[in-house]
N, C-alpha and C. Protein backbone atom coordinates (compact mmCIF):
# COMPACT_ATOMS: atom_id res chain seq x y z
N MET A 1 80.88 88.33 67.70
CA MET A 1 80.71 89.72 68.07
C MET A 1 79.26 89.99 68.45
N GLU A 2 78.33 89.51 67.59
CA GLU A 2 76.92 89.70 67.88
C GLU A 2 76.50 88.95 69.13
N ASP A 3 77.16 87.81 69.37
CA ASP A 3 76.86 87.03 70.57
C ASP A 3 77.17 87.82 71.84
N ASN A 4 78.31 88.56 71.79
CA ASN A 4 78.69 89.39 72.95
C ASN A 4 77.66 90.48 73.20
N ILE A 5 77.18 91.08 72.14
CA ILE A 5 76.19 92.14 72.27
C ILE A 5 74.90 91.57 72.84
N ILE A 6 74.51 90.42 72.35
CA ILE A 6 73.28 89.78 72.83
C ILE A 6 73.46 89.38 74.30
N GLU A 7 74.62 88.81 74.65
CA GLU A 7 74.88 88.42 76.05
C GLU A 7 74.84 89.65 76.97
N ASN A 8 75.46 90.76 76.52
CA ASN A 8 75.45 91.99 77.32
C ASN A 8 74.02 92.51 77.49
N ALA A 9 73.24 92.44 76.45
CA ALA A 9 71.85 92.89 76.52
C ALA A 9 71.07 92.00 77.48
N ASN A 10 71.27 90.69 77.37
CA ASN A 10 70.61 89.76 78.30
C ASN A 10 71.03 90.02 79.74
N PHE A 11 72.32 90.24 79.92
CA PHE A 11 72.82 90.50 81.28
C PHE A 11 72.22 91.78 81.85
N SER A 12 72.21 92.84 81.06
CA SER A 12 71.64 94.10 81.55
C SER A 12 70.15 93.95 81.84
N GLU A 13 69.45 93.17 81.03
CA GLU A 13 68.03 92.92 81.29
C GLU A 13 67.84 92.14 82.58
N LYS A 14 68.73 91.17 82.82
CA LYS A 14 68.66 90.38 84.05
C LYS A 14 68.89 91.26 85.27
N VAL A 15 69.87 92.17 85.16
CA VAL A 15 70.17 93.09 86.27
C VAL A 15 68.97 94.00 86.53
N LYS A 16 68.39 94.55 85.47
CA LYS A 16 67.23 95.42 85.62
C LYS A 16 66.07 94.68 86.28
N THR A 17 65.85 93.46 85.85
CA THR A 17 64.77 92.65 86.42
C THR A 17 65.03 92.36 87.89
N PHE A 18 66.27 92.00 88.18
CA PHE A 18 66.67 91.71 89.56
C PHE A 18 66.43 92.93 90.46
N ILE A 19 66.84 94.10 89.99
CA ILE A 19 66.69 95.33 90.76
C ILE A 19 65.21 95.67 90.94
N LYS A 20 64.42 95.53 89.89
CA LYS A 20 62.99 95.83 89.99
C LYS A 20 62.29 94.92 90.99
N LYS A 21 62.63 93.63 90.97
CA LYS A 21 61.99 92.67 91.87
C LYS A 21 62.39 92.90 93.33
N ARG A 22 63.62 93.32 93.54
CA ARG A 22 64.14 93.44 94.92
C ARG A 22 64.46 94.89 95.28
N LYS A 23 63.71 95.79 94.72
CA LYS A 23 63.95 97.23 94.91
C LYS A 23 63.90 97.62 96.39
N LYS A 24 62.89 97.18 97.10
CA LYS A 24 62.72 97.54 98.51
C LYS A 24 63.85 96.97 99.37
N ILE A 25 64.21 95.74 99.14
CA ILE A 25 65.28 95.11 99.93
C ILE A 25 66.62 95.81 99.68
N LEU A 26 66.91 96.08 98.41
CA LEU A 26 68.16 96.76 98.08
C LEU A 26 68.19 98.17 98.69
N LEU A 27 67.07 98.86 98.62
CA LEU A 27 67.00 100.20 99.21
C LEU A 27 67.21 100.13 100.72
N LEU A 28 66.63 99.12 101.36
CA LEU A 28 66.80 98.93 102.80
C LEU A 28 68.26 98.64 103.15
N ILE A 29 68.90 97.78 102.39
CA ILE A 29 70.30 97.44 102.65
C ILE A 29 71.21 98.66 102.49
N VAL A 30 71.02 99.41 101.41
CA VAL A 30 71.82 100.62 101.18
C VAL A 30 71.58 101.63 102.30
N SER A 31 70.33 101.79 102.71
CA SER A 31 70.01 102.72 103.80
C SER A 31 70.68 102.29 105.10
N LEU A 32 70.64 101.00 105.37
CA LEU A 32 71.27 100.47 106.59
C LEU A 32 72.77 100.72 106.58
N ILE A 33 73.41 100.49 105.45
CA ILE A 33 74.85 100.72 105.34
C ILE A 33 75.17 102.19 105.57
N ILE A 34 74.38 103.08 105.02
CA ILE A 34 74.60 104.52 105.21
C ILE A 34 74.41 104.91 106.67
N ILE A 35 73.37 104.38 107.31
CA ILE A 35 73.12 104.69 108.72
C ILE A 35 74.26 104.19 109.60
N ILE A 36 74.73 102.97 109.35
CA ILE A 36 75.85 102.43 110.12
C ILE A 36 77.10 103.28 109.93
N PHE A 37 77.36 103.68 108.72
CA PHE A 37 78.53 104.52 108.41
C PHE A 37 78.44 105.84 109.16
N ILE A 38 77.28 106.46 109.16
CA ILE A 38 77.09 107.74 109.87
C ILE A 38 77.27 107.55 111.37
N CYS A 39 76.76 106.46 111.91
CA CYS A 39 76.90 106.19 113.35
C CYS A 39 78.36 106.00 113.74
N VAL A 40 79.11 105.28 112.93
CA VAL A 40 80.53 105.05 113.22
C VAL A 40 81.28 106.38 113.21
N ILE A 41 81.01 107.20 112.23
CA ILE A 41 81.67 108.51 112.16
C ILE A 41 81.29 109.36 113.38
N PHE A 42 80.02 109.34 113.75
CA PHE A 42 79.55 110.11 114.90
C PHE A 42 80.26 109.65 116.18
N LEU A 43 80.34 108.34 116.39
CA LEU A 43 80.98 107.81 117.60
C LEU A 43 82.47 108.14 117.64
N GLN A 44 83.14 108.07 116.52
CA GLN A 44 84.55 108.45 116.46
C GLN A 44 84.73 109.93 116.77
N ASN A 45 83.84 110.74 116.27
CA ASN A 45 83.89 112.18 116.53
C ASN A 45 83.69 112.47 118.02
N GLN A 46 82.75 111.75 118.65
CA GLN A 46 82.49 111.92 120.08
C GLN A 46 83.71 111.53 120.90
N LYS A 47 84.38 110.45 120.51
CA LYS A 47 85.57 110.00 121.22
C LYS A 47 86.68 111.04 121.12
N ILE A 48 86.84 111.63 119.96
CA ILE A 48 87.85 112.68 119.78
C ILE A 48 87.53 113.88 120.67
N LYS A 49 86.25 114.28 120.71
CA LYS A 49 85.85 115.41 121.56
C LYS A 49 86.12 115.12 123.03
N LEU A 50 85.82 113.90 123.48
CA LEU A 50 86.07 113.54 124.88
C LEU A 50 87.55 113.53 125.19
N ASN A 51 88.37 113.08 124.26
CA ASN A 51 89.82 113.11 124.47
C ASN A 51 90.32 114.54 124.60
N LYS A 52 89.81 115.43 123.75
CA LYS A 52 90.21 116.84 123.84
C LYS A 52 89.78 117.44 125.16
N LEU A 53 88.57 117.13 125.60
CA LEU A 53 88.07 117.64 126.86
C LEU A 53 88.93 117.15 128.02
N ASN A 54 89.27 115.87 128.03
CA ASN A 54 90.12 115.33 129.09
C ASN A 54 91.52 115.94 129.05
N SER A 55 92.01 116.19 127.85
CA SER A 55 93.31 116.84 127.71
C SER A 55 93.28 118.25 128.30
N GLU A 56 92.22 118.98 127.99
CA GLU A 56 92.09 120.33 128.53
C GLU A 56 91.95 120.32 130.05
N LYS A 57 91.18 119.36 130.57
CA LYS A 57 91.03 119.24 132.02
C LYS A 57 92.37 118.90 132.67
N ASN A 58 93.14 118.04 132.02
CA ASN A 58 94.44 117.67 132.57
C ASN A 58 95.38 118.88 132.62
N ILE A 59 95.36 119.67 131.57
CA ILE A 59 96.20 120.88 131.55
C ILE A 59 95.73 121.86 132.63
N GLN A 60 94.43 122.06 132.74
CA GLN A 60 93.88 122.98 133.74
C GLN A 60 94.22 122.49 135.16
N ALA A 61 94.13 121.18 135.38
CA ALA A 61 94.46 120.62 136.70
C ALA A 61 95.94 120.86 137.01
N GLY A 62 96.79 120.74 136.00
CA GLY A 62 98.22 121.01 136.18
C GLY A 62 98.47 122.47 136.53
N ILE A 63 97.71 123.36 135.91
CA ILE A 63 97.84 124.79 136.22
C ILE A 63 97.41 125.05 137.66
N TYR A 64 96.28 124.47 138.06
CA TYR A 64 95.84 124.62 139.45
C TYR A 64 96.87 124.05 140.42
N LEU A 65 97.46 122.95 140.05
CA LEU A 65 98.46 122.31 140.90
C LEU A 65 99.68 123.21 141.08
N SER A 66 100.14 123.80 139.99
CA SER A 66 101.32 124.67 140.08
C SER A 66 101.03 125.97 140.81
N SER A 67 99.76 126.37 140.84
CA SER A 67 99.41 127.59 141.57
C SER A 67 98.89 127.27 142.99
N LYS A 68 99.16 126.04 143.44
CA LYS A 68 98.85 125.60 144.81
C LYS A 68 97.35 125.55 145.12
N GLU A 69 96.52 125.42 144.11
CA GLU A 69 95.08 125.25 144.31
C GLU A 69 94.78 123.74 144.23
N PHE A 70 95.17 123.04 145.30
CA PHE A 70 95.15 121.58 145.30
C PHE A 70 93.74 121.00 145.21
N ASN A 71 92.77 121.61 145.85
CA ASN A 71 91.41 121.06 145.81
C ASN A 71 90.82 121.12 144.41
N LYS A 72 91.03 122.24 143.71
CA LYS A 72 90.53 122.36 142.34
C LYS A 72 91.23 121.35 141.43
N SER A 73 92.52 121.21 141.64
CA SER A 73 93.30 120.27 140.85
C SER A 73 92.81 118.84 141.09
N LYS A 74 92.63 118.48 142.36
CA LYS A 74 92.17 117.13 142.70
C LYS A 74 90.79 116.86 142.10
N GLU A 75 89.93 117.85 142.14
CA GLU A 75 88.57 117.70 141.59
C GLU A 75 88.61 117.42 140.08
N LEU A 76 89.45 118.15 139.36
CA LEU A 76 89.57 117.92 137.92
C LEU A 76 90.17 116.54 137.62
N TYR A 77 91.15 116.15 138.41
CA TYR A 77 91.73 114.82 138.21
C TYR A 77 90.69 113.73 138.47
N ARG A 78 89.83 113.92 139.46
CA ARG A 78 88.77 112.95 139.74
C ARG A 78 87.78 112.88 138.57
N GLU A 79 87.45 114.03 137.98
CA GLU A 79 86.57 114.04 136.81
C GLU A 79 87.19 113.25 135.65
N ILE A 80 88.49 113.43 135.47
CA ILE A 80 89.19 112.71 134.41
C ILE A 80 89.13 111.20 134.67
N ILE A 81 89.37 110.82 135.91
CA ILE A 81 89.32 109.40 136.27
C ILE A 81 87.93 108.84 136.00
N ASN A 82 86.91 109.57 136.36
CA ASN A 82 85.53 109.11 136.15
C ASN A 82 85.15 109.02 134.68
N SER A 83 85.87 109.74 133.82
CA SER A 83 85.56 109.70 132.39
C SER A 83 85.90 108.34 131.76
N GLY A 84 86.81 107.60 132.38
CA GLY A 84 87.17 106.28 131.87
C GLY A 84 88.14 106.30 130.71
N ASN A 85 88.77 107.42 130.44
CA ASN A 85 89.73 107.51 129.35
C ASN A 85 90.97 106.67 129.68
N GLU A 86 91.37 105.82 128.76
CA GLU A 86 92.48 104.90 129.00
C GLU A 86 93.78 105.61 129.36
N PHE A 87 94.07 106.67 128.69
CA PHE A 87 95.34 107.39 128.91
C PHE A 87 95.24 108.38 130.06
N TYR A 88 94.26 109.26 129.99
CA TYR A 88 94.19 110.35 130.95
C TYR A 88 93.77 109.92 132.35
N SER A 89 93.01 108.82 132.48
CA SER A 89 92.62 108.35 133.81
C SER A 89 93.83 107.90 134.61
N ILE A 90 94.71 107.14 133.96
CA ILE A 90 95.91 106.66 134.65
C ILE A 90 96.87 107.82 134.90
N LEU A 91 96.93 108.76 133.98
CA LEU A 91 97.76 109.94 134.17
C LEU A 91 97.26 110.76 135.35
N ALA A 92 95.95 110.91 135.47
CA ALA A 92 95.37 111.64 136.60
C ALA A 92 95.67 110.93 137.91
N LEU A 93 95.57 109.61 137.91
CA LEU A 93 95.92 108.83 139.10
C LEU A 93 97.37 109.09 139.49
N ASN A 94 98.26 109.08 138.51
CA ASN A 94 99.68 109.36 138.80
C ASN A 94 99.85 110.72 139.45
N ASN A 95 99.18 111.71 138.92
CA ASN A 95 99.32 113.06 139.46
C ASN A 95 98.77 113.17 140.88
N ILE A 96 97.68 112.48 141.15
CA ILE A 96 97.13 112.49 142.51
C ILE A 96 98.11 111.85 143.48
N ILE A 97 98.70 110.72 143.06
CA ILE A 97 99.65 110.02 143.94
C ILE A 97 100.92 110.82 144.13
N GLU A 98 101.53 111.27 143.04
CA GLU A 98 102.82 111.96 143.11
C GLU A 98 102.76 113.25 143.90
N ASN A 99 101.63 113.93 143.84
CA ASN A 99 101.52 115.23 144.51
C ASN A 99 100.76 115.16 145.83
N ASN A 100 100.48 113.93 146.28
CA ASN A 100 99.78 113.72 147.55
C ASN A 100 98.52 114.59 147.65
N LEU A 101 97.74 114.59 146.58
CA LEU A 101 96.53 115.41 146.56
C LEU A 101 95.42 114.81 147.41
N GLU A 102 95.43 113.48 147.53
CA GLU A 102 94.42 112.83 148.36
C GLU A 102 95.11 112.22 149.57
N LEU A 103 94.84 112.77 150.74
CA LEU A 103 95.49 112.31 151.96
C LEU A 103 94.70 111.21 152.66
N ASP A 104 93.41 111.12 152.37
CA ASP A 104 92.56 110.11 152.99
C ASP A 104 92.81 108.76 152.31
N GLU A 105 93.29 107.80 153.09
CA GLU A 105 93.65 106.50 152.55
C GLU A 105 92.45 105.77 151.96
N ASP A 106 91.31 105.85 152.62
CA ASP A 106 90.10 105.19 152.10
C ASP A 106 89.65 105.80 150.78
N MET A 107 89.75 107.11 150.67
CA MET A 107 89.37 107.78 149.42
C MET A 107 90.33 107.39 148.30
N MET A 108 91.59 107.24 148.63
CA MET A 108 92.58 106.84 147.64
C MET A 108 92.29 105.42 147.15
N LEU A 109 91.93 104.54 148.06
CA LEU A 109 91.58 103.17 147.67
C LEU A 109 90.32 103.16 146.81
N GLU A 110 89.41 104.07 147.09
CA GLU A 110 88.20 104.20 146.26
C GLU A 110 88.58 104.63 144.84
N ILE A 111 89.53 105.53 144.73
CA ILE A 111 89.99 105.97 143.40
C ILE A 111 90.60 104.80 142.64
N PHE A 112 91.44 104.02 143.34
CA PHE A 112 92.01 102.83 142.70
C PHE A 112 90.91 101.89 142.23
N ASN A 113 89.91 101.68 143.07
CA ASN A 113 88.82 100.77 142.72
C ASN A 113 88.02 101.28 141.52
N GLU A 114 87.83 102.60 141.43
CA GLU A 114 87.13 103.18 140.28
C GLU A 114 87.88 102.88 138.99
N ILE A 115 89.19 103.04 139.04
CA ILE A 115 90.00 102.80 137.84
C ILE A 115 90.01 101.32 137.49
N GLU A 116 90.08 100.46 138.51
CA GLU A 116 90.11 99.01 138.25
C GLU A 116 88.82 98.52 137.61
N LYS A 117 87.70 99.19 137.86
CA LYS A 117 86.41 98.80 137.28
C LYS A 117 86.29 99.20 135.81
N GLN A 118 87.12 100.13 135.37
CA GLN A 118 87.00 100.63 134.01
C GLN A 118 87.52 99.62 133.00
N ASN A 119 87.13 99.79 131.78
CA ASN A 119 87.42 98.84 130.71
C ASN A 119 88.77 99.14 130.07
N PHE A 120 89.83 98.76 130.76
CA PHE A 120 91.19 98.97 130.26
C PHE A 120 91.78 97.64 129.82
N SER A 121 92.89 97.71 129.13
CA SER A 121 93.58 96.48 128.72
C SER A 121 94.14 95.79 129.96
N LYS A 122 94.47 94.53 129.80
CA LYS A 122 95.00 93.73 130.90
C LYS A 122 96.26 94.38 131.48
N GLU A 123 97.14 94.85 130.63
CA GLU A 123 98.40 95.44 131.11
C GLU A 123 98.18 96.77 131.82
N GLN A 124 97.20 97.54 131.36
CA GLN A 124 96.89 98.79 132.05
C GLN A 124 96.32 98.49 133.43
N LYS A 125 95.48 97.48 133.52
CA LYS A 125 94.94 97.09 134.83
C LYS A 125 96.04 96.60 135.75
N ASN A 126 97.00 95.86 135.19
CA ASN A 126 98.12 95.39 136.00
C ASN A 126 99.00 96.55 136.46
N LEU A 127 99.14 97.57 135.64
CA LEU A 127 99.88 98.77 136.04
C LEU A 127 99.19 99.44 137.21
N VAL A 128 97.86 99.54 137.15
CA VAL A 128 97.11 100.14 138.25
C VAL A 128 97.26 99.27 139.51
N LYS A 129 97.23 97.96 139.35
CA LYS A 129 97.44 97.07 140.49
C LYS A 129 98.82 97.28 141.11
N LEU A 130 99.82 97.47 140.26
CA LEU A 130 101.18 97.72 140.73
C LEU A 130 101.24 99.01 141.54
N LYS A 131 100.61 100.05 141.04
CA LYS A 131 100.57 101.33 141.76
C LYS A 131 99.82 101.18 143.08
N LYS A 132 98.74 100.41 143.05
CA LYS A 132 97.96 100.18 144.27
C LYS A 132 98.78 99.40 145.28
N ALA A 133 99.52 98.40 144.81
CA ALA A 133 100.37 97.62 145.70
C ALA A 133 101.42 98.50 146.36
N LEU A 134 102.04 99.38 145.59
CA LEU A 134 103.02 100.32 146.15
C LEU A 134 102.37 101.23 147.19
N PHE A 135 101.18 101.70 146.87
CA PHE A 135 100.45 102.56 147.80
C PHE A 135 100.15 101.82 149.10
N LEU A 136 99.67 100.59 148.98
CA LEU A 136 99.34 99.81 150.17
C LEU A 136 100.58 99.52 151.02
N LYS A 137 101.68 99.17 150.37
CA LYS A 137 102.92 98.91 151.11
C LYS A 137 103.41 100.17 151.81
N LYS A 138 103.23 101.30 151.16
CA LYS A 138 103.65 102.58 151.75
C LYS A 138 102.81 102.91 152.97
N HIS A 139 101.55 102.45 152.99
CA HIS A 139 100.64 102.76 154.08
C HIS A 139 100.45 101.57 155.02
N SER A 140 101.51 100.82 155.21
CA SER A 140 101.58 99.74 156.21
C SER A 140 100.56 98.62 155.98
N LYS A 141 100.22 98.36 154.76
CA LYS A 141 99.36 97.22 154.44
C LYS A 141 100.17 96.28 153.56
N GLU A 142 101.26 95.80 154.15
CA GLU A 142 102.24 94.97 153.46
C GLU A 142 101.60 93.73 152.83
N LYS A 143 100.75 93.03 153.57
CA LYS A 143 100.15 91.78 153.09
C LYS A 143 99.27 92.04 151.86
N ASP A 144 98.42 93.06 151.93
CA ASP A 144 97.54 93.38 150.80
C ASP A 144 98.35 93.77 149.56
N GLY A 145 99.40 94.55 149.78
CA GLY A 145 100.27 94.95 148.68
C GLY A 145 100.98 93.76 148.06
N ASN A 146 101.46 92.85 148.91
CA ASN A 146 102.14 91.65 148.40
C ASN A 146 101.17 90.75 147.63
N ASP A 147 99.92 90.67 148.09
CA ASP A 147 98.92 89.88 147.39
C ASP A 147 98.70 90.40 145.97
N LEU A 148 98.63 91.72 145.84
CA LEU A 148 98.46 92.31 144.50
C LEU A 148 99.69 92.04 143.63
N LEU A 149 100.87 92.13 144.22
CA LEU A 149 102.08 91.86 143.46
C LEU A 149 102.11 90.41 142.98
N LYS A 150 101.66 89.49 143.83
CA LYS A 150 101.60 88.08 143.43
C LYS A 150 100.60 87.88 142.28
N GLU A 151 99.49 88.59 142.32
CA GLU A 151 98.51 88.51 141.21
C GLU A 151 99.16 88.94 139.90
N ILE A 152 99.94 90.01 139.95
CA ILE A 152 100.60 90.51 138.75
C ILE A 152 101.60 89.47 138.23
N ILE A 153 102.34 88.86 139.15
CA ILE A 153 103.32 87.84 138.75
C ILE A 153 102.61 86.63 138.16
N ASP A 154 101.54 86.18 138.81
CA ASP A 154 100.81 85.00 138.34
C ASP A 154 100.13 85.24 136.99
N ASP A 155 99.83 86.49 136.70
CA ASP A 155 99.16 86.85 135.45
C ASP A 155 100.12 86.83 134.26
N GLY A 156 101.43 86.78 134.54
CA GLY A 156 102.42 86.79 133.46
C GLY A 156 102.51 88.14 132.77
N SER A 157 102.28 89.18 133.52
CA SER A 157 102.23 90.53 132.98
C SER A 157 103.62 91.04 132.60
N ILE A 158 103.65 92.10 131.81
CA ILE A 158 104.93 92.75 131.50
C ILE A 158 105.50 93.41 132.76
N TRP A 159 104.66 93.57 133.78
CA TRP A 159 105.09 94.16 135.05
C TRP A 159 105.59 93.10 136.03
N LYS A 160 105.68 91.87 135.55
CA LYS A 160 106.07 90.73 136.39
C LYS A 160 107.43 90.95 137.04
N GLU A 161 108.41 91.39 136.26
CA GLU A 161 109.77 91.59 136.77
C GLU A 161 109.78 92.67 137.87
N THR A 162 109.10 93.75 137.63
CA THR A 162 109.02 94.83 138.62
C THR A 162 108.32 94.35 139.88
N ALA A 163 107.22 93.61 139.72
CA ALA A 163 106.49 93.08 140.86
C ALA A 163 107.36 92.11 141.66
N THR A 164 108.14 91.31 140.98
CA THR A 164 109.04 90.35 141.65
C THR A 164 110.07 91.10 142.48
N LYS A 165 110.64 92.15 141.93
CA LYS A 165 111.64 92.94 142.66
C LYS A 165 111.01 93.58 143.90
N LEU A 166 109.80 94.07 143.75
CA LEU A 166 109.14 94.73 144.89
C LEU A 166 108.70 93.74 145.97
N LEU A 167 108.51 92.50 145.59
CA LEU A 167 108.09 91.46 146.52
C LEU A 167 109.23 91.03 147.43
N LYS A 168 110.45 91.19 146.98
CA LYS A 168 111.62 90.76 147.77
C LYS A 168 111.93 91.70 148.89
């Protein structure tokens, strides 16, 4: 019993000595952990705010679209695309295509290129390639569209089956 008390006393003395000797290093490590934690929370909060902003822009663009204010709607969709949001950028692209908001073929290809440069998953990029291929085929650029479809097939994408059907 007394041995346990002595061991506990020795252990607590060792811990106190360890802390006293390495006080600055321990303080630095704890401070670093706190700073990293605060930064992670801040970045997550910023991402949430940007998602809300893109959501609001998407809703506003839809309102402009339904009230036949196509230029305002197209402008908001372009802002969403430039934000690089994984979900809303592709949704904005869909709305531009479906509603023929951009009639200039070169400008539309520029929009596709902007989205392709963004940091999306492989499958999201392949989805954009598929949409671009359909756009190119629709605008009499059959060879370019087929080349993109072949890339999707060669990549082994989940869009492979759809690309194969469109290639025939």
